[in-house]
């Protein structure tokens, strides 16, 4: 959710050398997870999302 995205933003701002973002969820087909991945991609277009 929003808190997870803010935590991710804090980590990536604190450690700018991180290039990869690993997102994991039990039900990867859920629409909520798909929307979260879209928001992460918007915020971090140059990072590799796994």
C-alpha atoms as a PDB file:
ATOM      1  CA  UNK A   1       0.000   0.000   0.000  1.00  0.00           C
ATOM      2  CA  UNK A   2       0.951   3.644   0.374  1.00  0.00           C
ATOM      3  CA  UNK A   3       3.094   2.983   3.453  1.00  0.00           C
ATOM      4  CA  UNK A   4       5.075   0.348   1.549  1.00  0.00           C
ATOM      5  CA  UNK A   5       5.689   2.731  -1.329  1.00  0.00           C
ATOM      6  CA  UNK A   6       6.867   5.470   1.031  1.00  0.00           C
ATOM      7  CA  UNK A   7       9.205   3.027   2.782  1.00  0.00           C
ATOM      8  CA  UNK A   8      10.629   1.969  -0.590  1.00  0.00           C
ATOM      9  CA  UNK A   9      11.141   5.625  -1.531  1.00  0.00           C
ATOM     10  CA  UNK A  10      12.989   6.278   1.746  1.00  0.00           C
ATOM     11  CA  UNK A  11      15.297   3.326   1.205  1.00  0.00           C
ATOM     12  CA  UNK A  12      16.104   4.241  -2.388  1.00  0.00           C
ATOM     13  CA  UNK A  13      16.752   7.874  -1.459  1.00  0.00           C
ATOM     14  CA  UNK A  14      19.056   6.817   1.394  1.00  0.00           C
ATOM     15  CA  UNK A  15      20.966   4.308  -0.762  1.00  0.00           C
ATOM     16  CA  UNK A  16      21.075   5.674  -4.328  1.00  0.00           C
ATOM     17  CA  UNK A  17      23.319   2.857  -5.604  1.00  0.00           C
ATOM     18  CA  UNK A  18      20.437   0.375  -5.429  1.00  0.00           C
ATOM     19  CA  UNK A  19      19.472  -0.545  -8.995  1.00  0.00           C
ATOM     20  CA  UNK A  20      17.050  -3.410  -8.448  1.00  0.00           C
ATOM     21  CA  UNK A  21      13.649  -3.511  -6.762  1.00  0.00           C
ATOM     22  CA  UNK A  22      12.267  -6.917  -5.815  1.00  0.00           C
ATOM     23  CA  UNK A  23       8.512  -6.959  -5.224  1.00  0.00           C
ATOM     24  CA  UNK A  24       6.879 -10.089  -3.862  1.00  0.00           C
ATOM     25  CA  UNK A  25       3.335 -10.971  -2.920  1.00  0.00           C
ATOM     26  CA  UNK A  26       1.462 -14.229  -2.318  1.00  0.00           C
ATOM     27  CA  UNK A  27      -1.150 -13.474  -5.000  1.00  0.00           C
ATOM     28  CA  UNK A  28       0.736 -11.761  -7.821  1.00  0.00           C
ATOM     29  CA  UNK A  29      -2.290 -11.798 -10.085  1.00  0.00           C
ATOM     30  CA  UNK A  30      -4.274  -9.449  -7.808  1.00  0.00           C
ATOM     31  CA  UNK A  31      -5.240  -6.082  -9.269  1.00  0.00           C
ATOM     32  CA  UNK A  32      -3.940  -4.328  -6.134  1.00  0.00           C
ATOM     33  CA  UNK A  33      -0.437  -5.721  -6.742  1.00  0.00           C
ATOM     34  CA  UNK A  34      -0.549  -4.796 -10.434  1.00  0.00           C
ATOM     35  CA  UNK A  35      -1.442  -1.207  -9.506  1.00  0.00           C
ATOM     36  CA  UNK A  36       1.361  -1.108  -6.932  1.00  0.00           C
ATOM     37  CA  UNK A  37       3.893  -2.212  -9.551  1.00  0.00           C
ATOM     38  CA  UNK A  38       2.623   0.542 -11.882  1.00  0.00           C
ATOM     39  CA  UNK A  39       3.142   3.158  -9.145  1.00  0.00           C
ATOM     40  CA  UNK A  40       6.656   1.867  -8.438  1.00  0.00           C
ATOM     41  CA  UNK A  41       7.479   2.023 -12.164  1.00  0.00           C
ATOM     42  CA  UNK A  42       6.216   5.618 -12.349  1.00  0.00           C
ATOM     43  CA  UNK A  43       8.391   6.665  -9.396  1.00  0.00           C
ATOM     44  CA  UNK A  44      11.477   4.690 -10.459  1.00  0.00           C
ATOM     45  CA  UNK A  45      11.551   4.418 -14.261  1.00  0.00           C
ATOM     46  CA  UNK A  46      15.260   3.523 -14.472  1.00  0.00           C
ATOM     47  CA  UNK A  47      15.309   0.774 -11.838  1.00  0.00           C
ATOM     48  CA  UNK A  48      14.951  -2.908 -12.668  1.00  0.00           C
ATOM     49  CA  UNK A  49      11.815  -4.348 -11.058  1.00  0.00           C
ATOM     50  CA  UNK A  50      11.824  -8.063 -10.322  1.00  0.00           C
END
